[in-house]
Amino acid sequence: MPREVSDLSETMRSGVMRFVWIILPVILLSLFSCASTQPKQDGSRDAKFYNNRGIVFGEKGEYDQAISDFDKAIAINPRYMTAYNNRGVIYRLKGQYDRAILDFNKAIEMNPLDAEGYNNLAWLLATAKTPSFRNGKRAAALALKACELSDWRDAEYVDTLAAGYARAGDFDKAVQWEERALGYPKLTKPSEFQQRLNSYREHKAWPAE
């Protein structure tokens, strides 16, 4: 999931009072004050704040709280594509595939040139635990689009492409692309890629039945 940080600041006020007393026939008092202020961001109206907090809840496995925050982010900014993608991921993790698909399609509709929505939808169609939501051929096509849009720089998109081919029953291509995904430098989860490669070599889609 994308990481966005929202900096929230509180208004700070300071004042300096200076009294000048001059011994004259008439005593004069002058008071000078200056105040510096910093604009305040109200977290309750900050879509990025809720998106960021939703990510934290999601990583902790608190899915309902995460969805609530993504809902708030979208209510504040209905064009916030990242929040749709993030909420879709949580719906997928909860097994609410119909809602996840709606969110991923919405993200793609908002920006057809952004690879993330294509990859998220492809992964769902390739790996859904509910068979009725699986569609290997479409998953492979969507993953291929994600790879092309990202200039083949993202190993996870290539991993998704392999999962799509495996779900479609084309295990030769699944092995080919998973091996390529494992060849990318600085992988964050190579052991998972290797597990999938082993599965494809055994002509089993991921996850195995």
N, C-alpha and C. Protein backbone atom coordinates (compact mmCIF):
# COMPACT_ATOMS: atom_id res chain seq x y z
N MET A 1 0.82 -1.18 0.00
CA MET A 1 0.00 0.00 0.00
C MET A 1 0.85 1.23 0.00
N PRO A 2 0.46 2.48 -0.71
CA PRO A 2 1.18 3.71 -0.76
C PRO A 2 1.31 4.34 0.58
N ARG A 3 2.51 5.17 0.83
CA ARG A 3 2.66 5.79 2.13
C ARG A 3 2.64 7.29 1.98
N GLU A 4 1.71 7.80 2.60
CA GLU A 4 1.64 9.25 2.55
C GLU A 4 1.62 9.79 3.95
N VAL A 5 2.38 10.84 4.18
CA VAL A 5 2.46 11.43 5.51
C VAL A 5 1.85 12.81 5.48
N SER A 6 0.97 13.06 6.43
CA SER A 6 0.30 14.35 6.53
C SER A 6 0.80 15.05 7.78
N ASP A 7 1.41 16.23 7.58
CA ASP A 7 1.94 16.98 8.72
C ASP A 7 0.86 17.86 9.30
N LEU A 8 0.54 17.61 10.57
CA LEU A 8 -0.49 18.38 11.25
C LEU A 8 0.18 19.34 12.21
N SER A 9 -0.14 20.61 12.12
CA SER A 9 0.47 21.60 13.00
C SER A 9 -0.59 22.31 13.81
N GLU A 10 -0.25 22.72 15.00
CA GLU A 10 -1.14 23.47 15.87
C GLU A 10 -0.71 24.92 15.87
N THR A 11 -1.71 25.80 16.03
CA THR A 11 -1.42 27.23 16.03
C THR A 11 -0.60 27.59 17.25
N MET A 12 0.46 28.30 16.99
CA MET A 12 1.31 28.74 18.09
C MET A 12 1.26 30.26 18.17
N ARG A 13 1.10 30.72 19.34
CA ARG A 13 1.03 32.16 19.52
C ARG A 13 2.03 32.60 20.59
N SER A 14 2.71 33.67 20.32
CA SER A 14 3.63 34.20 21.32
C SER A 14 3.53 35.72 21.31
N GLY A 15 3.67 36.26 22.41
CA GLY A 15 3.60 37.72 22.49
C GLY A 15 4.67 38.27 23.43
N VAL A 16 5.16 39.36 23.06
CA VAL A 16 6.18 40.00 23.90
C VAL A 16 5.67 41.39 24.25
N MET A 17 5.60 41.64 25.53
CA MET A 17 5.14 42.96 25.99
C MET A 17 6.32 43.71 26.58
N ARG A 18 6.43 44.93 26.20
CA ARG A 18 7.54 45.73 26.65
C ARG A 18 7.03 47.05 27.19
N PHE A 19 7.40 47.28 28.40
CA PHE A 19 6.98 48.52 29.04
C PHE A 19 8.17 49.48 29.12
N VAL A 20 7.99 50.64 28.67
CA VAL A 20 9.04 51.65 28.75
C VAL A 20 8.54 52.79 29.64
N TRP A 21 9.24 52.95 30.70
CA TRP A 21 8.89 54.03 31.63
C TRP A 21 9.96 55.12 31.52
N ILE A 22 9.54 56.29 31.28
CA ILE A 22 10.46 57.43 31.17
C ILE A 22 10.08 58.45 32.25
N ILE A 23 11.08 58.82 33.06
CA ILE A 23 10.83 59.77 34.14
C ILE A 23 10.80 61.16 33.56
N LEU A 24 9.63 61.63 33.33
CA LEU A 24 9.38 62.96 32.80
C LEU A 24 8.23 63.55 33.60
N PRO A 25 8.01 64.79 33.41
CA PRO A 25 6.86 65.38 34.10
C PRO A 25 5.60 64.58 33.84
N VAL A 26 5.53 64.06 32.68
CA VAL A 26 4.39 63.20 32.35
C VAL A 26 4.93 61.80 32.09
N ILE A 27 4.44 60.80 32.81
CA ILE A 27 4.92 59.42 32.64
C ILE A 27 4.18 58.79 31.46
N LEU A 28 4.99 58.38 30.51
CA LEU A 28 4.43 57.76 29.30
C LEU A 28 4.61 56.25 29.37
N LEU A 29 3.58 55.55 28.97
CA LEU A 29 3.63 54.08 28.91
C LEU A 29 3.36 53.63 27.47
N SER A 30 4.28 52.88 26.94
CA SER A 30 4.08 52.35 25.59
C SER A 30 4.07 50.82 25.65
N LEU A 31 3.12 50.30 24.99
CA LEU A 31 2.98 48.84 24.97
C LEU A 31 3.07 48.35 23.54
N PHE A 32 3.98 47.46 23.36
CA PHE A 32 4.14 46.90 22.02
C PHE A 32 3.93 45.39 22.10
N SER A 33 3.21 44.86 21.18
CA SER A 33 3.01 43.40 21.15
C SER A 33 3.17 42.91 19.72
N CYS A 34 3.73 41.78 19.62
CA CYS A 34 3.83 41.14 18.29
C CYS A 34 3.44 39.69 18.43
N ALA A 35 2.81 39.19 17.44
CA ALA A 35 2.36 37.80 17.48
C ALA A 35 2.68 37.13 16.16
N SER A 36 3.17 35.94 16.24
CA SER A 36 3.43 35.15 15.02
C SER A 36 2.50 33.95 15.03
N THR A 37 1.93 33.72 13.90
CA THR A 37 0.99 32.60 13.79
C THR A 37 1.42 31.67 12.68
N GLN A 38 1.03 30.39 12.79
CA GLN A 38 1.29 29.37 11.78
C GLN A 38 -0.04 28.76 11.39
N PRO A 39 -0.33 28.67 10.08
CA PRO A 39 -1.63 28.14 9.66
C PRO A 39 -1.89 26.77 10.27
N LYS A 40 -3.11 26.52 10.60
CA LYS A 40 -3.51 25.27 11.21
C LYS A 40 -4.19 24.37 10.19
N GLN A 41 -3.75 23.13 10.18
CA GLN A 41 -4.42 22.13 9.35
C GLN A 41 -5.35 21.33 10.25
N ASP A 42 -6.58 21.30 9.90
CA ASP A 42 -7.56 20.55 10.68
C ASP A 42 -7.59 19.12 10.19
N GLY A 43 -7.15 18.18 11.06
CA GLY A 43 -7.10 16.79 10.66
C GLY A 43 -8.43 16.26 10.20
N SER A 44 -9.52 16.81 10.73
CA SER A 44 -10.84 16.32 10.38
C SER A 44 -11.21 16.64 8.94
N ARG A 45 -10.44 17.52 8.29
CA ARG A 45 -10.72 17.86 6.89
C ARG A 45 -9.54 17.52 5.99
N ASP A 46 -8.64 16.67 6.45
CA ASP A 46 -7.44 16.35 5.70
C ASP A 46 -7.52 14.92 5.18
N ALA A 47 -7.76 14.77 3.89
CA ALA A 47 -7.92 13.43 3.31
C ALA A 47 -6.65 12.60 3.46
N LYS A 48 -5.49 13.23 3.31
CA LYS A 48 -4.23 12.50 3.43
C LYS A 48 -4.03 11.97 4.84
N PHE A 49 -4.47 12.74 5.83
CA PHE A 49 -4.36 12.29 7.22
C PHE A 49 -5.12 10.98 7.41
N TYR A 50 -6.36 10.94 6.94
CA TYR A 50 -7.17 9.73 7.11
C TYR A 50 -6.62 8.57 6.28
N ASN A 51 -6.13 8.86 5.08
CA ASN A 51 -5.53 7.80 4.27
C ASN A 51 -4.32 7.20 4.97
N ASN A 52 -3.47 8.08 5.52
CA ASN A 52 -2.27 7.62 6.20
C ASN A 52 -2.62 6.80 7.44
N ARG A 53 -3.60 7.26 8.19
CA ARG A 53 -3.99 6.52 9.40
C ARG A 53 -4.64 5.20 9.02
N GLY A 54 -5.39 5.19 7.91
CA GLY A 54 -5.98 3.95 7.44
C GLY A 54 -4.93 2.91 7.10
N ILE A 55 -3.82 3.35 6.51
CA ILE A 55 -2.72 2.44 6.20
C ILE A 55 -2.18 1.81 7.48
N VAL A 56 -2.02 2.64 8.51
CA VAL A 56 -1.51 2.12 9.79
C VAL A 56 -2.45 1.07 10.36
N PHE A 57 -3.75 1.38 10.36
CA PHE A 57 -4.72 0.40 10.86
C PHE A 57 -4.66 -0.89 10.04
N GLY A 58 -4.55 -0.75 8.72
CA GLY A 58 -4.51 -1.92 7.86
C GLY A 58 -3.31 -2.80 8.16
N GLU A 59 -2.14 -2.16 8.37
CA GLU A 59 -0.93 -2.93 8.67
C GLU A 59 -1.04 -3.64 10.01
N LYS A 60 -1.85 -3.10 10.90
CA LYS A 60 -2.06 -3.73 12.22
C LYS A 60 -3.15 -4.79 12.18
N GLY A 61 -3.79 -4.96 11.02
CA GLY A 61 -4.86 -5.93 10.90
C GLY A 61 -6.19 -5.44 11.41
N GLU A 62 -6.30 -4.14 11.69
CA GLU A 62 -7.56 -3.56 12.16
C GLU A 62 -8.32 -3.03 10.94
N TYR A 63 -8.90 -3.97 10.20
CA TYR A 63 -9.44 -3.68 8.89
C TYR A 63 -10.66 -2.75 8.92
N ASP A 64 -11.54 -2.94 9.88
CA ASP A 64 -12.74 -2.09 9.94
C ASP A 64 -12.37 -0.64 10.21
N GLN A 65 -11.40 -0.42 11.09
CA GLN A 65 -10.95 0.94 11.36
C GLN A 65 -10.28 1.54 10.13
N ALA A 66 -9.52 0.70 9.42
CA ALA A 66 -8.86 1.18 8.21
C ALA A 66 -9.89 1.61 7.17
N ILE A 67 -10.90 0.79 6.96
CA ILE A 67 -11.94 1.13 5.99
C ILE A 67 -12.66 2.42 6.39
N SER A 68 -12.92 2.58 7.67
CA SER A 68 -13.58 3.79 8.15
C SER A 68 -12.75 5.03 7.79
N ASP A 69 -11.44 4.94 7.96
CA ASP A 69 -10.59 6.09 7.63
C ASP A 69 -10.52 6.33 6.13
N PHE A 70 -10.44 5.27 5.35
CA PHE A 70 -10.44 5.46 3.89
C PHE A 70 -11.78 6.05 3.42
N ASP A 71 -12.87 5.64 4.07
CA ASP A 71 -14.18 6.23 3.77
C ASP A 71 -14.15 7.74 3.99
N LYS A 72 -13.55 8.14 5.11
CA LYS A 72 -13.49 9.57 5.44
C LYS A 72 -12.61 10.32 4.44
N ALA A 73 -11.50 9.71 4.06
CA ALA A 73 -10.62 10.36 3.08
C ALA A 73 -11.35 10.58 1.75
N ILE A 74 -12.11 9.58 1.33
CA ILE A 74 -12.85 9.68 0.07
C ILE A 74 -14.00 10.67 0.18
N ALA A 75 -14.64 10.74 1.36
CA ALA A 75 -15.72 11.71 1.56
C ALA A 75 -15.18 13.14 1.44
N ILE A 76 -13.97 13.36 1.95
CA ILE A 76 -13.35 14.68 1.87
C ILE A 76 -12.91 14.99 0.45
N ASN A 77 -12.31 13.98 -0.21
CA ASN A 77 -11.82 14.16 -1.58
C ASN A 77 -12.25 12.97 -2.43
N PRO A 78 -13.40 13.08 -3.08
CA PRO A 78 -13.92 11.96 -3.89
C PRO A 78 -13.02 11.57 -5.06
N ARG A 79 -12.01 12.39 -5.37
CA ARG A 79 -11.09 12.07 -6.47
C ARG A 79 -9.76 11.52 -5.95
N TYR A 80 -9.75 11.09 -4.71
CA TYR A 80 -8.51 10.61 -4.09
C TYR A 80 -8.27 9.15 -4.48
N MET A 81 -7.60 8.96 -5.59
CA MET A 81 -7.41 7.63 -6.17
C MET A 81 -6.69 6.68 -5.22
N THR A 82 -5.70 7.16 -4.51
CA THR A 82 -4.92 6.30 -3.61
C THR A 82 -5.79 5.69 -2.53
N ALA A 83 -6.74 6.47 -2.02
CA ALA A 83 -7.62 5.95 -0.97
C ALA A 83 -8.51 4.84 -1.50
N TYR A 84 -8.95 4.96 -2.75
CA TYR A 84 -9.74 3.88 -3.35
C TYR A 84 -8.91 2.60 -3.46
N ASN A 85 -7.67 2.74 -3.93
CA ASN A 85 -6.81 1.58 -4.05
C ASN A 85 -6.56 0.94 -2.69
N ASN A 86 -6.29 1.76 -1.69
CA ASN A 86 -6.01 1.24 -0.35
C ASN A 86 -7.24 0.56 0.26
N ARG A 87 -8.39 1.19 0.09
CA ARG A 87 -9.61 0.57 0.62
C ARG A 87 -9.89 -0.75 -0.10
N GLY A 88 -9.63 -0.78 -1.40
CA GLY A 88 -9.83 -2.01 -2.16
C GLY A 88 -8.95 -3.14 -1.65
N VAL A 89 -7.72 -2.81 -1.29
CA VAL A 89 -6.82 -3.83 -0.75
C VAL A 89 -7.38 -4.41 0.55
N ILE A 90 -7.91 -3.54 1.41
CA ILE A 90 -8.47 -4.01 2.68
C ILE A 90 -9.71 -4.87 2.43
N TYR A 91 -10.55 -4.44 1.51
CA TYR A 91 -11.72 -5.26 1.18
C TYR A 91 -11.27 -6.64 0.66
N ARG A 92 -10.21 -6.65 -0.13
CA ARG A 92 -9.72 -7.94 -0.63
C ARG A 92 -9.24 -8.83 0.52
N LEU A 93 -8.52 -8.24 1.45
CA LEU A 93 -8.02 -9.00 2.60
C LEU A 93 -9.17 -9.54 3.45
N LYS A 94 -10.28 -8.81 3.47
CA LYS A 94 -11.46 -9.26 4.22
C LYS A 94 -12.29 -10.26 3.43
N GLY A 95 -11.93 -10.50 2.18
CA GLY A 95 -12.69 -11.42 1.35
C GLY A 95 -13.93 -10.79 0.75
N GLN A 96 -14.04 -9.46 0.81
CA GLN A 96 -15.18 -8.75 0.23
C GLN A 96 -14.79 -8.33 -1.20
N TYR A 97 -14.70 -9.33 -2.06
CA TYR A 97 -14.12 -9.12 -3.38
C TYR A 97 -14.94 -8.19 -4.26
N ASP A 98 -16.25 -8.25 -4.14
CA ASP A 98 -17.08 -7.39 -4.98
C ASP A 98 -16.79 -5.92 -4.69
N ARG A 99 -16.66 -5.59 -3.42
CA ARG A 99 -16.35 -4.19 -3.06
C ARG A 99 -14.94 -3.81 -3.49
N ALA A 100 -14.01 -4.74 -3.34
CA ALA A 100 -12.64 -4.47 -3.76
C ALA A 100 -12.56 -4.19 -5.26
N ILE A 101 -13.28 -4.99 -6.03
CA ILE A 101 -13.27 -4.79 -7.48
C ILE A 101 -13.83 -3.43 -7.86
N LEU A 102 -14.89 -3.01 -7.19
CA LEU A 102 -15.45 -1.68 -7.45
C LEU A 102 -14.42 -0.58 -7.19
N ASP A 103 -13.69 -0.72 -6.09
CA ASP A 103 -12.69 0.31 -5.75
C ASP A 103 -11.54 0.32 -6.75
N PHE A 104 -11.06 -0.85 -7.13
CA PHE A 104 -9.95 -0.90 -8.09
C PHE A 104 -10.38 -0.36 -9.45
N ASN A 105 -11.59 -0.70 -9.88
CA ASN A 105 -12.09 -0.16 -11.14
C ASN A 105 -12.25 1.35 -11.08
N LYS A 106 -12.66 1.85 -9.92
CA LYS A 106 -12.79 3.30 -9.75
C LYS A 106 -11.43 3.98 -9.86
N ALA A 107 -10.42 3.37 -9.24
CA ALA A 107 -9.07 3.94 -9.32
C ALA A 107 -8.56 3.95 -10.76
N ILE A 108 -8.82 2.87 -11.49
CA ILE A 108 -8.41 2.81 -12.90
C ILE A 108 -9.15 3.85 -13.73
N GLU A 109 -10.42 4.02 -13.45
CA GLU A 109 -11.23 5.02 -14.17
C GLU A 109 -10.68 6.42 -13.93
N MET A 110 -10.26 6.69 -12.70
CA MET A 110 -9.75 8.03 -12.36
C MET A 110 -8.44 8.33 -13.08
N ASN A 111 -7.59 7.31 -13.17
CA ASN A 111 -6.30 7.51 -13.84
C ASN A 111 -5.91 6.24 -14.60
N PRO A 112 -6.30 6.14 -15.86
CA PRO A 112 -6.01 4.94 -16.65
C PRO A 112 -4.52 4.72 -16.91
N LEU A 113 -3.69 5.71 -16.56
CA LEU A 113 -2.25 5.58 -16.79
C LEU A 113 -1.49 5.21 -15.52
N ASP A 114 -2.21 4.98 -14.44
CA ASP A 114 -1.57 4.59 -13.19
C ASP A 114 -1.59 3.06 -13.07
N ALA A 115 -0.44 2.47 -12.84
CA ALA A 115 -0.31 1.01 -12.87
C ALA A 115 -0.91 0.31 -11.66
N GLU A 116 -0.98 0.99 -10.53
CA GLU A 116 -1.34 0.32 -9.29
C GLU A 116 -2.72 -0.31 -9.33
N GLY A 117 -3.70 0.41 -9.85
CA GLY A 117 -5.06 -0.12 -9.90
C GLY A 117 -5.14 -1.39 -10.74
N TYR A 118 -4.44 -1.40 -11.87
CA TYR A 118 -4.43 -2.59 -12.73
C TYR A 118 -3.82 -3.78 -11.98
N ASN A 119 -2.71 -3.52 -11.30
CA ASN A 119 -2.04 -4.60 -10.58
C ASN A 119 -2.91 -5.14 -9.45
N ASN A 120 -3.54 -4.23 -8.70
CA ASN A 120 -4.38 -4.67 -7.58
C ASN A 120 -5.54 -5.54 -8.06
N LEU A 121 -6.18 -5.11 -9.14
CA LEU A 121 -7.30 -5.88 -9.66
C LEU A 121 -6.82 -7.22 -10.22
N ALA A 122 -5.67 -7.21 -10.89
CA ALA A 122 -5.12 -8.44 -11.45
C ALA A 122 -4.80 -9.45 -10.35
N TRP A 123 -4.23 -8.96 -9.25
CA TRP A 123 -3.86 -9.87 -8.16
C TRP A 123 -5.11 -10.51 -7.56
N LEU A 124 -6.16 -9.72 -7.41
CA LEU A 124 -7.41 -10.27 -6.88
C LEU A 124 -7.95 -11.36 -7.80
N LEU A 125 -8.01 -11.08 -9.09
CA LEU A 125 -8.57 -12.04 -10.04
C LEU A 125 -7.73 -13.31 -10.14
N ALA A 126 -6.44 -13.18 -9.86
CA ALA A 126 -5.55 -14.34 -9.95
C ALA A 126 -5.54 -15.18 -8.68
N THR A 127 -5.77 -14.54 -7.52
CA THR A 127 -5.53 -15.25 -6.26
C THR A 127 -6.73 -15.31 -5.32
N ALA A 128 -7.89 -14.83 -5.73
CA ALA A 128 -9.07 -14.83 -4.85
C ALA A 128 -9.35 -16.22 -4.30
N LYS A 129 -9.67 -16.28 -3.02
CA LYS A 129 -9.98 -17.57 -2.40
C LYS A 129 -11.34 -18.10 -2.87
N THR A 130 -12.20 -17.18 -3.29
CA THR A 130 -13.52 -17.59 -3.80
C THR A 130 -13.42 -17.84 -5.30
N PRO A 131 -13.58 -19.08 -5.76
CA PRO A 131 -13.36 -19.42 -7.17
C PRO A 131 -14.16 -18.57 -8.15
N SER A 132 -15.36 -18.16 -7.77
CA SER A 132 -16.20 -17.43 -8.71
C SER A 132 -15.63 -16.07 -9.10
N PHE A 133 -14.68 -15.56 -8.32
CA PHE A 133 -14.07 -14.26 -8.63
C PHE A 133 -12.79 -14.40 -9.44
N ARG A 134 -12.33 -15.61 -9.67
CA ARG A 134 -11.07 -15.81 -10.37
C ARG A 134 -11.25 -15.69 -11.88
N ASN A 135 -10.26 -15.09 -12.52
CA ASN A 135 -10.26 -14.97 -13.97
C ASN A 135 -8.81 -14.80 -14.40
N GLY A 136 -8.16 -15.92 -14.66
CA GLY A 136 -6.74 -15.89 -14.95
C GLY A 136 -6.37 -15.10 -16.19
N LYS A 137 -7.13 -15.26 -17.26
CA LYS A 137 -6.81 -14.55 -18.51
C LYS A 137 -6.90 -13.04 -18.33
N ARG A 138 -7.98 -12.60 -17.66
CA ARG A 138 -8.11 -11.15 -17.45
C ARG A 138 -7.03 -10.66 -16.48
N ALA A 139 -6.72 -11.48 -15.49
CA ALA A 139 -5.67 -11.09 -14.54
C ALA A 139 -4.35 -10.89 -15.26
N ALA A 140 -4.01 -11.81 -16.16
CA ALA A 140 -2.76 -11.69 -16.90
C ALA A 140 -2.75 -10.44 -17.78
N ALA A 141 -3.89 -10.15 -18.42
CA ALA A 141 -3.97 -8.95 -19.27
C ALA A 141 -3.81 -7.68 -18.46
N LEU A 142 -4.45 -7.62 -17.30
CA LEU A 142 -4.35 -6.44 -16.44
C LEU A 142 -2.93 -6.28 -15.89
N ALA A 143 -2.33 -7.40 -15.50
CA ALA A 143 -0.97 -7.34 -14.97
C ALA A 143 0.02 -6.92 -16.04
N LEU A 144 -0.19 -7.38 -17.26
CA LEU A 144 0.67 -6.98 -18.37
C LEU A 144 0.57 -5.47 -18.59
N LYS A 145 -0.64 -4.93 -18.46
CA LYS A 145 -0.84 -3.48 -18.59
C LYS A 145 -0.08 -2.74 -17.49
N ALA A 146 -0.14 -3.26 -16.26
CA ALA A 146 0.57 -2.64 -15.15
C ALA A 146 2.08 -2.65 -15.39
N CYS A 147 2.59 -3.76 -15.90
CA CYS A 147 4.02 -3.86 -16.19
C CYS A 147 4.44 -2.86 -17.26
N GLU A 148 3.62 -2.74 -18.30
CA GLU A 148 3.94 -1.82 -19.38
C GLU A 148 3.91 -0.37 -18.90
N LEU A 149 2.90 -0.04 -18.10
CA LEU A 149 2.78 1.33 -17.61
C LEU A 149 3.93 1.71 -16.67
N SER A 150 4.48 0.72 -15.99
CA SER A 150 5.58 0.97 -15.06
C SER A 150 6.94 0.70 -15.70
N ASP A 151 6.96 0.50 -17.02
CA ASP A 151 8.20 0.21 -17.76
C ASP A 151 8.93 -1.00 -17.19
N TRP A 152 8.19 -1.96 -16.68
CA TRP A 152 8.75 -3.22 -16.18
C TRP A 152 9.74 -3.00 -15.04
N ARG A 153 9.54 -1.95 -14.26
CA ARG A 153 10.45 -1.65 -13.16
C ARG A 153 10.03 -2.27 -11.84
N ASP A 154 8.81 -2.78 -11.75
CA ASP A 154 8.28 -3.26 -10.48
C ASP A 154 8.19 -4.79 -10.47
N ALA A 155 8.97 -5.40 -9.59
CA ALA A 155 9.00 -6.86 -9.50
C ALA A 155 7.65 -7.43 -9.08
N GLU A 156 6.92 -6.71 -8.23
CA GLU A 156 5.63 -7.21 -7.76
C GLU A 156 4.61 -7.28 -8.89
N TYR A 157 4.71 -6.36 -9.85
CA TYR A 157 3.80 -6.41 -10.98
C TYR A 157 4.11 -7.63 -11.86
N VAL A 158 5.39 -7.94 -12.00
CA VAL A 158 5.79 -9.13 -12.76
C VAL A 158 5.35 -10.38 -12.02
N ASP A 159 5.45 -10.36 -10.71
CA ASP A 159 4.96 -11.46 -9.87
C ASP A 159 3.46 -11.67 -10.08
N THR A 160 2.72 -10.58 -10.18
CA THR A 160 1.28 -10.68 -10.44
C THR A 160 1.01 -11.26 -11.82
N LEU A 161 1.82 -10.85 -12.79
CA LEU A 161 1.67 -11.39 -14.15
C LEU A 161 1.84 -12.91 -14.14
N ALA A 162 2.82 -13.38 -13.41
CA ALA A 162 3.03 -14.83 -13.31
C ALA A 162 1.83 -15.51 -12.66
N ALA A 163 1.28 -14.88 -11.62
CA ALA A 163 0.11 -15.45 -10.94
C ALA A 163 -1.08 -15.54 -11.89
N GLY A 164 -1.24 -14.53 -12.75
CA GLY A 164 -2.33 -14.54 -13.72
C GLY A 164 -2.20 -15.69 -14.71
N TYR A 165 -0.98 -15.87 -15.24
CA TYR A 165 -0.77 -16.97 -16.18
C TYR A 165 -0.99 -18.32 -15.50
N ALA A 166 -0.55 -18.43 -14.25
CA ALA A 166 -0.75 -19.69 -13.54
C ALA A 166 -2.23 -19.98 -13.35
N ARG A 167 -2.99 -18.95 -12.99
CA ARG A 167 -4.43 -19.15 -12.80
C ARG A 167 -5.10 -19.52 -14.12
N ALA A 168 -4.55 -19.02 -15.23
CA ALA A 168 -5.10 -19.35 -16.55
C ALA A 168 -4.64 -20.72 -17.04
N GLY A 169 -3.74 -21.35 -16.28
CA GLY A 169 -3.27 -22.68 -16.66
C GLY A 169 -2.05 -22.70 -17.55
N ASP A 170 -1.45 -21.52 -17.81
CA ASP A 170 -0.25 -21.45 -18.64
C ASP A 170 0.96 -21.43 -17.70
N PHE A 171 1.37 -22.58 -17.23
CA PHE A 171 2.41 -22.66 -16.22
C PHE A 171 3.81 -22.40 -16.78
N ASP A 172 4.02 -22.62 -18.06
CA ASP A 172 5.31 -22.31 -18.66
C ASP A 172 5.58 -20.80 -18.55
N LYS A 173 4.58 -19.99 -18.92
CA LYS A 173 4.75 -18.55 -18.81
C LYS A 173 4.80 -18.11 -17.35
N ALA A 174 4.03 -18.78 -16.51
CA ALA A 174 4.05 -18.44 -15.08
C ALA A 174 5.45 -18.63 -14.51
N VAL A 175 6.09 -19.73 -14.85
CA VAL A 175 7.46 -19.99 -14.38
C VAL A 175 8.41 -18.96 -14.96
N GLN A 176 8.25 -18.68 -16.25
CA GLN A 176 9.13 -17.71 -16.93
C GLN A 176 9.10 -16.36 -16.24
N TRP A 177 7.89 -15.86 -15.96
CA TRP A 177 7.78 -14.52 -15.38
C TRP A 177 8.12 -14.50 -13.89
N GLU A 178 7.86 -15.59 -13.19
CA GLU A 178 8.23 -15.61 -11.77
C GLU A 178 9.75 -15.65 -11.62
N GLU A 179 10.42 -16.38 -12.51
CA GLU A 179 11.88 -16.38 -12.50
C GLU A 179 12.41 -14.98 -12.79
N ARG A 180 11.76 -14.28 -13.70
CA ARG A 180 12.19 -12.92 -14.00
C ARG A 180 11.96 -12.02 -12.79
N ALA A 181 10.83 -12.19 -12.10
CA ALA A 181 10.56 -11.37 -10.91
C ALA A 181 11.62 -11.61 -9.85
N LEU A 182 12.05 -12.85 -9.70
CA LEU A 182 13.08 -13.17 -8.70
C LEU A 182 14.44 -12.57 -9.07
N GLY A 183 14.62 -12.22 -10.33
CA GLY A 183 15.88 -11.64 -10.76
C GLY A 183 16.01 -10.15 -10.50
N TYR A 184 14.94 -9.51 -10.03
CA TYR A 184 15.00 -8.08 -9.74
C TYR A 184 15.85 -7.84 -8.49
N PRO A 185 16.60 -6.76 -8.45
CA PRO A 185 17.41 -6.47 -7.26
C PRO A 185 16.56 -5.94 -6.11
N LYS A 186 17.07 -6.15 -4.91
CA LYS A 186 16.48 -5.60 -3.69
C LYS A 186 15.01 -6.00 -3.51
N LEU A 187 14.71 -7.27 -3.67
CA LEU A 187 13.35 -7.75 -3.43
C LEU A 187 13.03 -7.68 -1.95
N THR A 188 11.81 -7.29 -1.62
CA THR A 188 11.41 -7.19 -0.20
C THR A 188 10.92 -8.53 0.35
N LYS A 189 10.46 -9.41 -0.52
CA LYS A 189 9.95 -10.71 -0.06
C LYS A 189 10.29 -11.82 -1.05
N PRO A 190 11.58 -12.08 -1.24
CA PRO A 190 11.99 -13.12 -2.21
C PRO A 190 11.50 -14.51 -1.84
N SER A 191 11.35 -14.79 -0.55
CA SER A 191 10.90 -16.13 -0.16
C SER A 191 9.49 -16.42 -0.66
N GLU A 192 8.62 -15.38 -0.68
CA GLU A 192 7.27 -15.57 -1.20
C GLU A 192 7.30 -15.81 -2.70
N PHE A 193 8.15 -15.09 -3.39
CA PHE A 193 8.28 -15.28 -4.84
C PHE A 193 8.75 -16.71 -5.12
N GLN A 194 9.70 -17.18 -4.33
CA GLN A 194 10.23 -18.52 -4.54
C GLN A 194 9.16 -19.58 -4.28
N GLN A 195 8.34 -19.37 -3.27
CA GLN A 195 7.26 -20.31 -2.98
C GLN A 195 6.30 -20.40 -4.16
N ARG A 196 5.99 -19.25 -4.74
CA ARG A 196 5.09 -19.26 -5.89
C ARG A 196 5.76 -19.95 -7.09
N LEU A 197 7.03 -19.69 -7.29
CA LEU A 197 7.74 -20.34 -8.39
C LEU A 197 7.70 -21.86 -8.23
N ASN A 198 7.93 -22.33 -7.01
CA ASN A 198 7.88 -23.77 -6.75
C ASN A 198 6.49 -24.33 -7.07
N SER A 199 5.46 -23.57 -6.72
CA SER A 199 4.09 -23.99 -6.97
C SER A 199 3.82 -24.07 -8.47
N TYR A 200 4.29 -23.07 -9.23
CA TYR A 200 4.04 -23.06 -10.67
C TYR A 200 4.79 -24.20 -11.36
N ARG A 201 5.96 -24.53 -10.85
CA ARG A 201 6.72 -25.64 -11.42
C ARG A 201 5.99 -26.97 -11.21
N GLU A 202 5.16 -27.00 -10.19
CA GLU A 202 4.36 -28.20 -9.91
C GLU A 202 2.99 -28.12 -10.59
N HIS A 203 2.82 -27.09 -11.45
CA HIS A 203 1.55 -26.87 -12.17
C HIS A 203 0.40 -26.62 -11.19
N LYS A 204 0.70 -25.79 -10.20
CA LYS A 204 -0.31 -25.39 -9.24
C LYS A 204 -0.39 -23.87 -9.22
N ALA A 205 -1.60 -23.33 -9.29
CA ALA A 205 -1.79 -21.88 -9.20
C ALA A 205 -1.56 -21.43 -7.76
N TRP A 206 -1.55 -20.12 -7.58
CA TRP A 206 -1.34 -19.56 -6.25
C TRP A 206 -2.57 -18.77 -5.82
N PRO A 207 -3.06 -19.00 -4.59
CA PRO A 207 -2.60 -20.04 -3.66
C PRO A 207 -3.07 -21.42 -4.09
N ALA A 208 -2.30 -22.43 -3.69
CA ALA A 208 -2.65 -23.80 -4.07
C ALA A 208 -3.95 -24.20 -3.38
N GLU A 209 -4.72 -25.00 -4.07
CA GLU A 209 -6.00 -25.46 -3.51
C GLU A 209 -5.76 -26.41 -2.34
